[in-house]
Amino acid sequence: MHYGISLNDAEFLELTIKLQICYEETIKFFKVHIGDLEERIREARFQITIDDYMDEQGEMLAEMNREEAYIDWLEGSYEDLGEGKW
């Protein structure tokens, strides 16, 4: 099932403020236990462009196609040796 949320501007602002407060309180709490937490968060943040995403997807698909071609070749080789149909 798919769900959606309809918020007016005031509700959206209220939700955003509450989420910001939760985020800040969470950071304060965990910073006590994880000394370099803020540094870790800074390092973990990144942005990916649609071009980078599409490049990654293309590389992944190309790799999958190479693997499938190799498997097809390997199966054909077994069949050529009389090992039966794969």
PDB file of N, CA and C in Angstrom:
ATOM      1  N   MET A   1       0.841  -1.181   0.000  1.00  0.00           N
ATOM      2  CA  MET A   1       0.000   0.000   0.000  1.00  0.00           C
ATOM      3  C   MET A   1       0.883   1.239   0.000  1.00  0.00           C
ATOM      4  N   HIS A   2       0.346   2.287  -0.548  1.00  0.00           N
ATOM      5  CA  HIS A   2       1.057   3.561  -0.569  1.00  0.00           C
ATOM      6  C   HIS A   2       0.274   4.572   0.266  1.00  0.00           C
ATOM      7  N   TYR A   3       1.004   5.385   0.953  1.00  0.00           N
ATOM      8  CA  TYR A   3       0.378   6.396   1.802  1.00  0.00           C
ATOM      9  C   TYR A   3       0.970   7.753   1.473  1.00  0.00           C
ATOM     10  N   GLY A   4       0.247   8.770   1.769  1.00  0.00           N
ATOM     11  CA  GLY A   4       0.726  10.128   1.572  1.00  0.00           C
ATOM     12  C   GLY A   4       0.353  10.977   2.765  1.00  0.00           C
ATOM     13  N   ILE A   5       1.027  12.084   2.892  1.00  0.00           N
ATOM     14  CA  ILE A   5       0.746  13.013   3.986  1.00  0.00           C
ATOM     15  C   ILE A   5       0.400  14.354   3.367  1.00  0.00           C
ATOM     16  N   SER A   6      -0.669  14.934   3.835  1.00  0.00           N
ATOM     17  CA  SER A   6      -1.048  16.275   3.393  1.00  0.00           C
ATOM     18  C   SER A   6      -0.910  17.215   4.580  1.00  0.00           C
ATOM     19  N   LEU A   7      -0.005  18.156   4.452  1.00  0.00           N
ATOM     20  CA  LEU A   7       0.205  19.141   5.515  1.00  0.00           C
ATOM     21  C   LEU A   7       0.058  20.537   4.923  1.00  0.00           C
ATOM     22  N   ASN A   8      -0.560  21.409   5.693  1.00  0.00           N
ATOM     23  CA  ASN A   8      -0.565  22.797   5.257  1.00  0.00           C
ATOM     24  C   ASN A   8       0.764  23.427   5.687  1.00  0.00           C
ATOM     25  N   ASP A   9       1.010  24.648   5.328  1.00  0.00           N
ATOM     26  CA  ASP A   9       2.296  25.296   5.612  1.00  0.00           C
ATOM     27  C   ASP A   9       2.597  25.359   7.106  1.00  0.00           C
ATOM     28  N   ALA A  10       1.588  25.654   7.914  1.00  0.00           N
ATOM     29  CA  ALA A  10       1.802  25.761   9.360  1.00  0.00           C
ATOM     30  C   ALA A  10       2.153  24.398   9.958  1.00  0.00           C
ATOM     31  N   GLU A  11       1.465  23.353   9.523  1.00  0.00           N
ATOM     32  CA  GLU A  11       1.753  22.004  10.016  1.00  0.00           C
ATOM     33  C   GLU A  11       3.144  21.548   9.579  1.00  0.00           C
ATOM     34  N   PHE A  12       3.488  21.878   8.348  1.00  0.00           N
ATOM     35  CA  PHE A  12       4.806  21.517   7.838  1.00  0.00           C
ATOM     36  C   PHE A  12       5.906  22.201   8.649  1.00  0.00           C
ATOM     37  N   LEU A  13       5.725  23.477   8.939  1.00  0.00           N
ATOM     38  CA  LEU A  13       6.697  24.229   9.731  1.00  0.00           C
ATOM     39  C   LEU A  13       6.808  23.640  11.137  1.00  0.00           C
ATOM     40  N   GLU A  14       5.681  23.323  11.748  1.00  0.00           N
ATOM     41  CA  GLU A  14       5.689  22.739  13.091  1.00  0.00           C
ATOM     42  C   GLU A  14       6.429  21.400  13.100  1.00  0.00           C
ATOM     43  N   LEU A  15       6.160  20.552  12.118  1.00  0.00           N
ATOM     44  CA  LEU A  15       6.846  19.262  12.020  1.00  0.00           C
ATOM     45  C   LEU A  15       8.346  19.445  11.828  1.00  0.00           C
ATOM     46  N   THR A  16       8.721  20.368  10.962  1.00  0.00           N
ATOM     47  CA  THR A  16      10.136  20.625  10.704  1.00  0.00           C
ATOM     48  C   THR A  16      10.857  21.097  11.967  1.00  0.00           C
ATOM     49  N   ILE A  17      10.226  21.973  12.716  1.00  0.00           N
ATOM     50  CA  ILE A  17      10.818  22.473  13.964  1.00  0.00           C
ATOM     51  C   ILE A  17      10.971  21.335  14.971  1.00  0.00           C
ATOM     52  N   LYS A  18       9.950  20.491  15.102  1.00  0.00           N
ATOM     53  CA  LYS A  18      10.032  19.366  16.037  1.00  0.00           C
ATOM     54  C   LYS A  18      11.128  18.380  15.633  1.00  0.00           C
ATOM     55  N   LEU A  19      11.253  18.124  14.351  1.00  0.00           N
ATOM     56  CA  LEU A  19      12.314  17.226  13.885  1.00  0.00           C
ATOM     57  C   LEU A  19      13.699  17.820  14.152  1.00  0.00           C
ATOM     58  N   GLN A  20      13.839  19.130  13.975  1.00  0.00           N
ATOM     59  CA  GLN A  20      15.111  19.791  14.248  1.00  0.00           C
ATOM     60  C   GLN A  20      15.467  19.682  15.734  1.00  0.00           C
ATOM     61  N   ILE A  21      14.489  19.863  16.595  1.00  0.00           N
ATOM     62  CA  ILE A  21      14.723  19.744  18.038  1.00  0.00           C
ATOM     63  C   ILE A  21      15.130  18.312  18.382  1.00  0.00           C
ATOM     64  N   CYS A  22      14.447  17.319  17.814  1.00  0.00           N
ATOM     65  CA  CYS A  22      14.805  15.912  18.061  1.00  0.00           C
ATOM     66  C   CYS A  22      16.235  15.637  17.606  1.00  0.00           C
ATOM     67  N   TYR A  23      16.596  16.137  16.436  1.00  0.00           N
ATOM     68  CA  TYR A  23      17.943  15.939  15.901  1.00  0.00           C
ATOM     69  C   TYR A  23      18.982  16.523  16.852  1.00  0.00           C
ATOM     70  N   GLU A  24      18.768  17.772  17.264  1.00  0.00           N
ATOM     71  CA  GLU A  24      19.731  18.441  18.137  1.00  0.00           C
ATOM     72  C   GLU A  24      19.859  17.738  19.490  1.00  0.00           C
ATOM     73  N   GLU A  25      18.746  17.309  20.061  1.00  0.00           N
ATOM     74  CA  GLU A  25      18.789  16.606  21.341  1.00  0.00           C
ATOM     75  C   GLU A  25      19.480  15.250  21.202  1.00  0.00           C
ATOM     76  N   THR A  26      19.253  14.575  20.103  1.00  0.00           N
ATOM     77  CA  THR A  26      19.907  13.294  19.859  1.00  0.00           C
ATOM     78  C   THR A  26      21.417  13.466  19.769  1.00  0.00           C
ATOM     79  N   ILE A  27      21.850  14.495  19.054  1.00  0.00           N
ATOM     80  CA  ILE A  27      23.284  14.770  18.931  1.00  0.00           C
ATOM     81  C   ILE A  27      23.876  15.074  20.303  1.00  0.00           C
ATOM     82  N   LYS A  28      23.183  15.899  21.075  1.00  0.00           N
ATOM     83  CA  LYS A  28      23.676  16.228  22.421  1.00  0.00           C
ATOM     84  C   LYS A  28      23.836  14.971  23.269  1.00  0.00           C
ATOM     85  N   PHE A  29      22.853  14.089  23.233  1.00  0.00           N
ATOM     86  CA  PHE A  29      22.884  12.870  24.032  1.00  0.00           C
ATOM     87  C   PHE A  29      24.041  11.963  23.612  1.00  0.00           C
ATOM     88  N   PHE A  30      24.145  11.676  22.321  1.00  0.00           N
ATOM     89  CA  PHE A  30      25.162  10.735  21.865  1.00  0.00           C
ATOM     90  C   PHE A  30      26.570  11.312  21.871  1.00  0.00           C
ATOM     91  N   LYS A  31      26.694  12.643  21.818  1.00  0.00           N
ATOM     92  CA  LYS A  31      28.011  13.280  21.850  1.00  0.00           C
ATOM     93  C   LYS A  31      28.738  12.976  23.153  1.00  0.00           C
ATOM     94  N   VAL A  32      27.986  12.789  24.216  1.00  0.00           N
ATOM     95  CA  VAL A  32      28.566  12.445  25.516  1.00  0.00           C
ATOM     96  C   VAL A  32      29.248  11.076  25.444  1.00  0.00           C
ATOM     97  N   HIS A  33      28.679  10.158  24.681  1.00  0.00           N
ATOM     98  CA  HIS A  33      29.168   8.786  24.610  1.00  0.00           C
ATOM     99  C   HIS A  33      30.100   8.522  23.419  1.00  0.00           C
ATOM    100  N   ILE A  34      29.980   9.343  22.400  1.00  0.00           N
ATOM    101  CA  ILE A  34      30.820   9.194  21.207  1.00  0.00           C
ATOM    102  C   ILE A  34      31.517  10.529  20.982  1.00  0.00           C
ATOM    103  N   GLY A  35      32.759  10.599  21.404  1.00  0.00           N
ATOM    104  CA  GLY A  35      33.492  11.859  21.401  1.00  0.00           C
ATOM    105  C   GLY A  35      33.594  12.544  20.056  1.00  0.00           C
ATOM    106  N   ASP A  36      33.796  11.782  18.990  1.00  0.00           N
ATOM    107  CA  ASP A  36      33.973  12.387  17.678  1.00  0.00           C
ATOM    108  C   ASP A  36      32.707  12.268  16.816  1.00  0.00           C
ATOM    109  N   LEU A  37      31.556  12.253  17.458  1.00  0.00           N
ATOM    110  CA  LEU A  37      30.293  12.075  16.754  1.00  0.00           C
ATOM    111  C   LEU A  37      30.063  13.141  15.689  1.00  0.00           C
ATOM    112  N   GLU A  38      30.257  14.389  16.049  1.00  0.00           N
ATOM    113  CA  GLU A  38      30.005  15.464  15.085  1.00  0.00           C
ATOM    114  C   GLU A  38      30.917  15.349  13.867  1.00  0.00           C
ATOM    115  N   GLU A  39      32.156  14.948  14.083  1.00  0.00           N
ATOM    116  CA  GLU A  39      33.099  14.740  12.976  1.00  0.00           C
ATOM    117  C   GLU A  39      32.614  13.584  12.096  1.00  0.00           C
ATOM    118  N   ARG A  40      32.169  12.522  12.719  1.00  0.00           N
ATOM    119  CA  ARG A  40      31.655  11.370  11.955  1.00  0.00           C
ATOM    120  C   ARG A  40      30.441  11.763  11.115  1.00  0.00           C
ATOM    121  N   ILE A  41      29.563  12.552  11.690  1.00  0.00           N
ATOM    122  CA  ILE A  41      28.374  12.995  10.954  1.00  0.00           C
ATOM    123  C   ILE A  41      28.786  13.866   9.779  1.00  0.00           C
ATOM    124  N   ARG A  42      29.707  14.771  10.011  1.00  0.00           N
ATOM    125  CA  ARG A  42      30.185  15.641   8.926  1.00  0.00           C
ATOM    126  C   ARG A  42      30.773  14.817   7.790  1.00  0.00           C
ATOM    127  N   GLU A  43      31.574  13.809   8.126  1.00  0.00           N
ATOM    128  CA  GLU A  43      32.197  12.972   7.106  1.00  0.00           C
ATOM    129  C   GLU A  43      31.181  12.107   6.379  1.00  0.00           C
ATOM    130  N   ALA A  44      30.101  11.734   7.063  1.00  0.00           N
ATOM    131  CA  ALA A  44      29.109  10.830   6.468  1.00  0.00           C
ATOM    132  C   ALA A  44      28.176  11.551   5.506  1.00  0.00           C
ATOM    133  N   ARG A  45      28.086  12.842   5.606  1.00  0.00           N
ATOM    134  CA  ARG A  45      27.176  13.596   4.741  1.00  0.00           C
ATOM    135  C   ARG A  45      27.801  13.750   3.361  1.00  0.00           C
ATOM    136  N   PHE A  46      27.007  13.530   2.362  1.00  0.00           N
ATOM    137  CA  PHE A  46      27.460  13.733   0.989  1.00  0.00           C
ATOM    138  C   PHE A  46      26.245  13.983   0.119  1.00  0.00           C
ATOM    139  N   GLN A  47      26.512  14.518  -1.041  1.00  0.00           N
ATOM    140  CA  GLN A  47      25.451  14.710  -2.011  1.00  0.00           C
ATOM    141  C   GLN A  47      25.856  13.994  -3.289  1.00  0.00           C
ATOM    142  N   ILE A  48      24.921  13.368  -3.915  1.00  0.00           N
ATOM    143  CA  ILE A  48      25.188  12.691  -5.168  1.00  0.00           C
ATOM    144  C   ILE A  48      24.293  13.324  -6.228  1.00  0.00           C
ATOM    145  N   THR A  49      24.864  13.620  -7.354  1.00  0.00           N
ATOM    146  CA  THR A  49      24.086  14.215  -8.435  1.00  0.00           C
ATOM    147  C   THR A  49      23.402  13.110  -9.221  1.00  0.00           C
ATOM    148  N   ILE A  50      22.430  13.488 -10.002  1.00  0.00           N
ATOM    149  CA  ILE A  50      21.732  12.500 -10.828  1.00  0.00           C
ATOM    150  C   ILE A  50      22.707  11.883 -11.830  1.00  0.00           C
ATOM    151  N   ASP A  51      23.665  12.683 -12.314  1.00  0.00           N
ATOM    152  CA  ASP A  51      24.656  12.147 -13.252  1.00  0.00           C
ATOM    153  C   ASP A  51      25.518  11.081 -12.582  1.00  0.00           C
ATOM    154  N   ASP A  52      25.958  11.356 -11.341  1.00  0.00           N
ATOM    155  CA  ASP A  52      26.757  10.365 -10.607  1.00  0.00           C
ATOM    156  C   ASP A  52      25.943   9.099 -10.360  1.00  0.00           C
ATOM    157  N   TYR A  53      24.681   9.281  -9.999  1.00  0.00           N
ATOM    158  CA  TYR A  53      23.807   8.134  -9.739  1.00  0.00           C
ATOM    159  C   TYR A  53      23.651   7.287 -11.001  1.00  0.00           C
ATOM    160  N   MET A  54      23.402   7.953 -12.126  1.00  0.00           N
ATOM    161  CA  MET A  54      23.212   7.220 -13.376  1.00  0.00           C
ATOM    162  C   MET A  54      24.507   6.518 -13.801  1.00  0.00           C
ATOM    163  N   ASP A  55      25.650   7.160 -13.570  1.00  0.00           N
ATOM    164  CA  ASP A  55      26.933   6.511 -13.876  1.00  0.00           C
ATOM    165  C   ASP A  55      27.098   5.247 -13.049  1.00  0.00           C
ATOM    166  N   GLU A  56      26.794   5.324 -11.757  1.00  0.00           N
ATOM    167  CA  GLU A  56      26.902   4.154 -10.876  1.00  0.00           C
ATOM    168  C   GLU A  56      25.963   3.044 -11.329  1.00  0.00           C
ATOM    169  N   GLN A  57      24.746   3.415 -11.700  1.00  0.00           N
ATOM    170  CA  GLN A  57      23.781   2.415 -12.160  1.00  0.00           C
ATOM    171  C   GLN A  57      24.260   1.758 -13.455  1.00  0.00           C
ATOM    172  N   GLY A  58      24.814   2.576 -14.362  1.00  0.00           N
ATOM    173  CA  GLY A  58      25.329   2.046 -15.617  1.00  0.00           C
ATOM    174  C   GLY A  58      26.466   1.067 -15.392  1.00  0.00           C
ATOM    175  N   GLU A  59      27.371   1.421 -14.484  1.00  0.00           N
ATOM    176  CA  GLU A  59      28.492   0.534 -14.169  1.00  0.00           C
ATOM    177  C   GLU A  59      27.987  -0.783 -13.569  1.00  0.00           C
ATOM    178  N   MET A  60      26.993  -0.683 -12.693  1.00  0.00           N
ATOM    179  CA  MET A  60      26.447  -1.877 -12.062  1.00  0.00           C
ATOM    180  C   MET A  60      25.790  -2.786 -13.109  1.00  0.00           C
ATOM    181  N   LEU A  61      25.017  -2.186 -14.016  1.00  0.00           N
ATOM    182  CA  LEU A  61      24.368  -2.980 -15.055  1.00  0.00           C
ATOM    183  C   LEU A  61      25.384  -3.610 -15.998  1.00  0.00           C
ATOM    184  N   ALA A  62      26.429  -2.866 -16.333  1.00  0.00           N
ATOM    185  CA  ALA A  62      27.468  -3.413 -17.206  1.00  0.00           C
ATOM    186  C   ALA A  62      28.142  -4.605 -16.541  1.00  0.00           C
ATOM    187  N   GLU A  63      28.405  -4.495 -15.247  1.00  0.00           N
ATOM    188  CA  GLU A  63      29.026  -5.594 -14.506  1.00  0.00           C
ATOM    189  C   GLU A  63      28.101  -6.810 -14.494  1.00  0.00           C
ATOM    190  N   MET A  64      26.822  -6.580 -14.277  1.00  0.00           N
ATOM    191  CA  MET A  64      25.865  -7.688 -14.280  1.00  0.00           C
ATOM    192  C   MET A  64      25.824  -8.356 -15.649  1.00  0.00           C
ATOM    193  N   ASN A  65      25.853  -7.568 -16.714  1.00  0.00           N
ATOM    194  CA  ASN A  65      25.829  -8.134 -18.061  1.00  0.00           C
ATOM    195  C   ASN A  65      27.084  -8.960 -18.334  1.00  0.00           C
ATOM    196  N   ARG A  66      28.249  -8.501 -17.840  1.00  0.00           N
ATOM    197  CA  ARG A  66      29.490  -9.273 -18.012  1.00  0.00           C
ATOM    198  C   ARG A  66      29.381 -10.602 -17.276  1.00  0.00           C
ATOM    199  N   GLU A  67      28.852 -10.572 -16.073  1.00  0.00           N
ATOM    200  CA  GLU A  67      28.702 -11.798 -15.296  1.00  0.00           C
ATOM    201  C   GLU A  67      27.737 -12.762 -15.977  1.00  0.00           C
ATOM    202  N   GLU A  68      26.624 -12.232 -16.501  1.00  0.00           N
ATOM    203  CA  GLU A  68      25.658 -13.084 -17.193  1.00  0.00           C
ATOM    204  C   GLU A  68      26.268 -13.673 -18.462  1.00  0.00           C
ATOM    205  N   ALA A  69      27.047 -12.873 -19.198  1.00  0.00           N
ATOM    206  CA  ALA A  69      27.696 -13.367 -20.416  1.00  0.00           C
ATOM    207  C   ALA A  69      28.681 -14.478 -20.064  1.00  0.00           C
ATOM    208  N   TYR A  70      29.412 -14.323 -18.979  1.00  0.00           N
ATOM    209  CA  TYR A  70      30.368 -15.349 -18.557  1.00  0.00           C
ATOM    210  C   TYR A  70      29.633 -16.640 -18.180  1.00  0.00           C
ATOM    211  N   ILE A  71      28.546 -16.501 -17.455  1.00  0.00           N
ATOM    212  CA  ILE A  71      27.770 -17.684 -17.057  1.00  0.00           C
ATOM    213  C   ILE A  71      27.223 -18.389 -18.297  1.00  0.00           C
ATOM    214  N   ASP A  72      26.709 -17.596 -19.256  1.00  0.00           N
ATOM    215  CA  ASP A  72      26.218 -18.195 -20.499  1.00  0.00           C
ATOM    216  C   ASP A  72      27.336 -18.945 -21.214  1.00  0.00           C
ATOM    217  N   TRP A  73      28.514 -18.334 -21.296  1.00  0.00           N
ATOM    218  CA  TRP A  73      29.657 -18.977 -21.954  1.00  0.00           C
ATOM    219  C   TRP A  73      30.035 -20.260 -21.220  1.00  0.00           C
ATOM    220  N   LEU A  74      30.071 -20.186 -19.882  1.00  0.00           N
ATOM    221  CA  LEU A  74      30.435 -21.342 -19.077  1.00  0.00           C
ATOM    222  C   LEU A  74      29.432 -22.481 -19.266  1.00  0.00           C
ATOM    223  N   GLU A  75      28.150 -22.150 -19.249  1.00  0.00           N
ATOM    224  CA  GLU A  75      27.131 -23.174 -19.466  1.00  0.00           C
ATOM    225  C   GLU A  75      27.258 -23.791 -20.851  1.00  0.00           C
ATOM    226  N   GLY A  76      27.523 -22.960 -21.850  1.00  0.00           N
ATOM    227  CA  GLY A  76      27.714 -23.464 -23.208  1.00  0.00           C
ATOM    228  C   GLY A  76      28.907 -24.392 -23.298  1.00  0.00           C
ATOM    229  N   SER A  77      29.966 -24.068 -22.568  1.00  0.00           N
ATOM    230  CA  SER A  77      31.168 -24.903 -22.572  1.00  0.00           C
ATOM    231  C   SER A  77      30.865 -26.280 -21.997  1.00  0.00           C
ATOM    232  N   TYR A  78      30.092 -26.333 -20.936  1.00  0.00           N
ATOM    233  CA  TYR A  78      29.722 -27.621 -20.356  1.00  0.00           C
ATOM    234  C   TYR A  78      28.877 -28.432 -21.341  1.00  0.00           C
ATOM    235  N   GLU A  79      27.958 -27.745 -22.027  1.00  0.00           N
ATOM    236  CA  GLU A  79      27.124 -28.431 -23.003  1.00  0.00           C
ATOM    237  C   GLU A  79      27.983 -28.976 -24.142  1.00  0.00           C
ATOM    238  N   ASP A  80      28.993 -28.196 -24.583  1.00  0.00           N
ATOM    239  CA  ASP A  80      29.884 -28.632 -25.657  1.00  0.00           C
ATOM    240  C   ASP A  80      30.657 -29.878 -25.248  1.00  0.00           C
ATOM    241  N   LEU A  81      30.905 -30.047 -23.974  1.00  0.00           N
ATOM    242  CA  LEU A  81      31.652 -31.197 -23.481  1.00  0.00           C
ATOM    243  C   LEU A  81      30.750 -32.409 -23.251  1.00  0.00           C
ATOM    244  N   GLY A  82      29.499 -32.274 -23.620  1.00  0.00           N
ATOM    245  CA  GLY A  82      28.582 -33.385 -23.458  1.00  0.00           C
ATOM    246  C   GLY A  82      28.034 -33.523 -22.061  1.00  0.00           C
ATOM    247  N   GLU A  83      28.108 -32.461 -21.289  1.00  0.00           N
ATOM    248  CA  GLU A  83      27.654 -32.517 -19.892  1.00  0.00           C
ATOM    249  C   GLU A  83      26.125 -32.370 -19.783  1.00  0.00           C
ATOM    250  N   GLY A  84      25.468 -32.222 -20.893  1.00  0.00           N
ATOM    251  CA  GLY A  84      24.014 -32.083 -20.849  1.00  0.00           C
ATOM    252  C   GLY A  84      23.580 -30.643 -20.941  1.00  0.00           C
ATOM    253  N   LYS A  85      22.301 -30.453 -21.101  1.00  0.00           N
ATOM    254  CA  LYS A  85      21.728 -29.119 -21.237  1.00  0.00           C
ATOM    255  C   LYS A  85      21.604 -28.457 -19.865  1.00  0.00           C
ATOM    256  N   TRP A  86      22.033 -27.209 -19.764  1.00  0.00           N
ATOM    257  CA  TRP A  86      21.929 -26.466 -18.523  1.00  0.00           C
ATOM    258  C   TRP A  86      20.660 -25.695 -18.508  1.00  0.00           C
TER     259      TRP A  86
END
